[in-house]
Protein backbone atom coordinates (compact mmCIF):
# COMPACT_ATOMS: atom_id res chain seq x y z
CA MET A 1 -21.38 -63.97 6.29
CA ARG A 2 -19.52 -61.93 8.87
CA GLY A 3 -17.80 -58.67 7.81
CA HIS A 4 -14.30 -59.30 9.06
CA SER A 5 -12.45 -58.13 5.94
CA HIS A 6 -11.99 -54.50 5.00
CA THR A 7 -14.59 -54.86 2.26
CA ALA A 8 -17.12 -57.61 2.70
CA THR A 9 -19.11 -59.09 -0.17
CA PHE A 10 -22.85 -58.62 0.09
CA LEU A 11 -24.81 -61.52 -1.40
CA ALA A 12 -28.17 -61.51 0.37
CA PHE A 13 -30.51 -59.64 -1.93
CA LEU A 14 -33.87 -60.33 -0.35
CA LEU A 15 -37.26 -59.44 -1.73
CA VAL A 16 -39.39 -59.33 1.41
CA PHE A 17 -41.85 -56.83 2.75
CA LEU A 18 -41.00 -55.51 6.22
CA LEU A 19 -44.46 -55.45 7.67
CA SER A 20 -44.98 -54.89 11.36
CA SER A 21 -48.26 -56.80 11.38
CA CYS A 22 -51.01 -58.12 9.18
CA GLU A 23 -54.76 -57.89 9.74
CA LYS A 24 -56.26 -61.34 10.00
CA ASP A 25 -59.18 -62.16 7.69
CA PRO A 26 -61.01 -65.47 7.37
CA GLY A 27 -58.90 -67.87 5.31
CA ARG A 28 -55.71 -65.86 5.74
CA MET A 29 -52.58 -66.76 7.66
CA ASP A 30 -52.21 -65.94 11.35
CA ASP A 31 -51.16 -62.45 12.41
CA TYR A 32 -47.41 -62.21 12.10
CA LEU A 33 -44.46 -59.93 12.82
CA VAL A 34 -41.33 -59.29 10.77
CA GLU A 35 -38.24 -58.06 12.62
CA PHE A 36 -34.45 -57.98 12.56
CA ALA A 37 -33.00 -60.49 15.03
CA THR A 38 -29.73 -62.18 16.02
CA VAL A 39 -29.16 -65.93 15.97
CA VAL A 40 -28.42 -67.55 19.34
CA LYS A 41 -27.39 -71.22 19.27
CA GLU A 42 -27.97 -73.43 22.29
CA ASN A 43 -26.36 -76.74 21.40
CA SER A 44 -28.23 -77.74 18.24
CA LYS A 45 -31.22 -75.50 18.92
CA TYR A 46 -31.82 -72.06 17.46
CA ARG A 47 -33.08 -69.07 19.38
CA PHE A 48 -33.55 -65.54 18.05
CA ARG A 49 -32.78 -62.42 20.08
CA LEU A 50 -34.61 -59.22 19.19
CA ASP A 51 -32.85 -55.87 19.47
CA ASN A 52 -34.83 -55.08 22.64
CA GLY A 53 -33.13 -58.06 24.30
CA ARG A 54 -36.08 -60.45 24.16
CA LEU A 55 -35.15 -64.06 23.34
CA LEU A 56 -37.68 -65.82 21.10
CA ILE A 57 -38.00 -69.60 21.24
CA PRO A 58 -39.34 -71.23 18.06
CA GLU A 59 -41.42 -74.39 18.34
CA GLU A 60 -39.59 -75.72 15.29
CA VAL A 61 -36.91 -74.54 12.86
CA LYS A 62 -36.98 -76.02 9.36
CA ASP A 63 -34.68 -75.44 6.39
CA TYR A 64 -32.44 -72.93 8.15
CA SER A 65 -28.74 -72.90 8.94
CA GLY A 66 -26.92 -70.00 10.59
CA GLU A 67 -24.03 -69.28 12.91
CA GLU A 68 -24.08 -67.65 16.35
CA GLY A 69 -24.36 -63.88 15.93
CA GLN A 70 -25.77 -64.04 12.39
CA ARG A 71 -28.34 -61.35 11.71
CA VAL A 72 -31.64 -62.36 10.13
CA ILE A 73 -35.03 -61.13 9.05
CA LEU A 74 -37.48 -63.16 11.12
CA ASN A 75 -41.11 -63.60 10.08
CA TYR A 76 -43.02 -65.22 12.94
CA VAL A 77 -46.33 -65.76 14.69
CA PRO A 78 -46.38 -65.14 18.49
CA LEU A 79 -47.71 -68.17 20.37
CA GLY A 80 -47.67 -66.74 23.88
CA GLY A 81 -44.80 -65.80 26.14
CA ASP A 82 -41.54 -66.12 24.21
CA ALA A 83 -42.73 -69.02 22.06
CA ILE A 84 -43.11 -68.39 18.33
CA LYS A 85 -43.98 -70.17 15.11
CA ILE A 86 -41.59 -69.31 12.27
CA ASN A 87 -43.01 -68.53 8.85
CA PHE A 88 -39.56 -67.91 7.40
CA VAL A 89 -36.12 -66.75 8.46
CA SER A 90 -33.51 -65.29 6.08
CA ASN A 91 -29.88 -64.36 6.73
CA ILE A 92 -28.87 -60.78 6.01
CA PHE A 93 -25.44 -59.19 5.73
CA THR A 94 -23.80 -59.09 9.16
CA GLY A 95 -20.72 -56.93 9.69
CA SER A 96 -18.80 -54.80 12.16
CA ILE A 97 -16.92 -51.50 12.16
CA GLN A 98 -13.65 -51.62 10.21
CA ALA A 99 -11.07 -49.76 12.30
CA GLU A 100 -8.64 -49.56 9.36
CA GLY A 101 -8.99 -49.02 5.63
CA PHE A 102 -10.49 -45.52 5.48
CA PRO A 103 -10.33 -43.77 3.11
CA GLN A 104 -8.25 -45.99 0.82
CA ASN A 105 -10.74 -48.88 0.78
CA TYR A 106 -13.86 -46.75 0.95
CA SER A 107 -16.24 -46.79 -2.03
CA ASP A 108 -19.06 -44.27 -2.45
CA ASP A 109 -21.27 -45.87 -5.11
CA PRO A 110 -24.68 -44.38 -4.31
CA VAL A 111 -27.67 -46.11 -2.73
CA LYS A 112 -31.27 -45.14 -2.02
CA ILE A 113 -32.07 -45.07 1.70
CA GLN A 114 -35.24 -46.75 2.91
CA SER A 115 -34.53 -46.88 6.66
CA VAL A 116 -31.64 -46.41 9.11
CA TRP A 117 -31.86 -47.08 12.84
CA VAL A 118 -29.94 -48.31 15.88
CA GLY A 119 -31.40 -51.33 17.66
CA GLY A 120 -29.56 -52.70 20.69
CA ASP A 121 -25.88 -52.79 19.70
CA TRP A 122 -26.65 -52.87 15.98
CA LEU A 123 -26.80 -50.33 13.18
CA ASN A 124 -29.57 -51.54 10.87
CA LEU A 125 -29.91 -50.50 7.24
CA ILE A 126 -32.57 -51.04 4.60
CA LEU A 127 -31.29 -49.67 1.30
CA GLU A 128 -32.18 -49.90 -2.36
CA ILE A 129 -29.53 -50.58 -4.99
CA GLU A 130 -29.52 -51.28 -8.71
CA TYR A 131 -28.42 -54.88 -9.20
CA LEU A 132 -28.07 -57.14 -12.23
CA ASN A 133 -25.77 -60.12 -11.68
CA VAL A 134 -22.47 -59.07 -10.02
CA PRO A 135 -22.27 -59.29 -6.19
CA HIS A 136 -21.82 -55.87 -4.60
CA LYS A 137 -19.50 -55.14 -1.68
CA VAL A 138 -20.37 -53.23 1.48
CA ALA A 139 -18.51 -52.27 4.66
CA LEU A 140 -18.64 -49.79 7.53
CA PHE A 141 -15.46 -47.77 8.10
CA ARG A 142 -14.49 -45.47 10.94
CA ASP A 143 -12.62 -42.25 10.18
CA HIS A 144 -10.05 -42.08 12.98
CA SER A 145 -8.78 -38.72 11.74
CA SER A 146 -12.02 -37.15 12.99
CA SER A 147 -12.35 -35.91 16.57
CA SER A 148 -15.89 -37.33 16.66
CA ALA A 149 -17.09 -40.87 15.99
CA ASP A 150 -17.66 -40.75 12.23
CA LEU A 151 -18.72 -43.91 10.39
CA TYR A 152 -18.86 -44.23 6.59
CA PHE A 153 -21.05 -46.78 4.84
CA SER A 154 -19.07 -48.11 1.89
CA HIS A 155 -20.84 -49.56 -1.15
CA SER A 156 -19.14 -50.80 -4.30
CA SER A 157 -21.20 -52.02 -7.24
CA GLU A 158 -18.14 -53.90 -8.53
CA ASN A 159 -18.99 -52.55 -12.01
CA ASP A 160 -22.29 -54.41 -12.00
CA PRO A 161 -24.13 -53.38 -15.22
CA PRO A 162 -27.37 -51.39 -14.90
CA GLY A 163 -30.09 -53.71 -13.65
CA TYR A 164 -33.16 -53.56 -11.45
CA PRO A 165 -33.97 -52.10 -8.03
CA ARG A 166 -33.21 -54.55 -5.23
CA MET A 167 -33.53 -54.21 -1.47
CA MET A 168 -30.34 -54.53 0.57
CA TYR A 169 -30.53 -55.44 4.26
CA ALA A 170 -27.50 -55.11 6.53
CA SER A 171 -26.62 -54.94 10.23
CA PHE A 172 -23.31 -53.76 11.69
CA LEU A 173 -22.25 -54.41 15.28
CA LEU A 174 -21.42 -51.12 17.03
CA SER A 175 -19.74 -52.47 20.17
CA ASP A 176 -16.35 -51.14 18.98
CA LEU A 177 -17.62 -47.62 19.69
CA GLN A 178 -16.92 -48.56 23.34
CA LYS A 179 -19.67 -47.47 25.64
CA PRO A 180 -18.40 -45.42 28.60
CA THR A 181 -18.64 -46.95 32.08
CA SER A 182 -21.09 -44.20 32.99
CA GLY A 183 -23.67 -45.84 30.75
CA SER A 184 -24.26 -42.61 28.84
CA PRO A 185 -25.29 -42.90 25.17
CA VAL A 186 -22.45 -42.74 22.63
CA PRO A 187 -23.21 -40.27 19.82
CA PHE A 188 -21.89 -40.93 16.33
CA ARG A 189 -22.37 -39.72 12.80
CA LEU A 190 -23.17 -42.00 9.88
CA PHE A 191 -22.31 -40.93 6.30
CA ILE A 192 -24.10 -42.60 3.37
CA ASN A 193 -23.73 -41.47 -0.23
CA THR A 194 -27.03 -41.38 -2.10
CA TYR A 195 -28.15 -40.50 -5.62
CA THR A 196 -28.85 -36.97 -4.35
CA GLY A 197 -25.61 -36.53 -2.42
CA MET A 198 -24.09 -37.41 0.95
CA ARG A 199 -26.55 -37.94 3.81
CA ILE A 200 -25.41 -37.51 7.40
CA PHE A 201 -27.28 -39.17 10.27
CA GLU A 202 -26.83 -38.13 13.91
CA LEU A 203 -27.32 -41.34 15.91
CA GLU A 204 -26.62 -42.76 19.36
CA LEU A 205 -25.52 -46.11 20.74
CA LYS A 206 -27.41 -46.48 24.02
């Protein structure tokens, strides 16, 4: 689901372990990698672009459907070169910066931060929320009243009753920050409200 509305509904609550690799023992599955990636469609074939620009070519894609530009968690086995074998691929929330709607549409329901990083043109988030049965809403707003590039992560629980910890995975396209022609990195600040207060991250779009 692309985040084109001011407040986009987040539905992909995934229970996966983000492991960079796995030691191979006799009787176990092949060594594998788990990474964020972007769907690239070539006619009816799927490719997956990593945030370092590398395009992975799966030998086969089963039981998956996604649109061009969709962000995913990709679990795969390298086969040599750019060829891979997919263990599983799961869509995650894919959004962009909302130029309007701040602060009136901003919601600061707290989250627990697991990881925040910029990869390629994407802001990637791994967060923990308390979820029971009501879909939460997330968005990324820009505060245009600020002289600097300030982005606010918006999270609304939509009055979801107390539930259980769930991992939330999301990627937001940062191209609207407009890289200068000089090629210099674009600094920005990211604000995320947590259970212990507002966290501010100093990041760069390279």
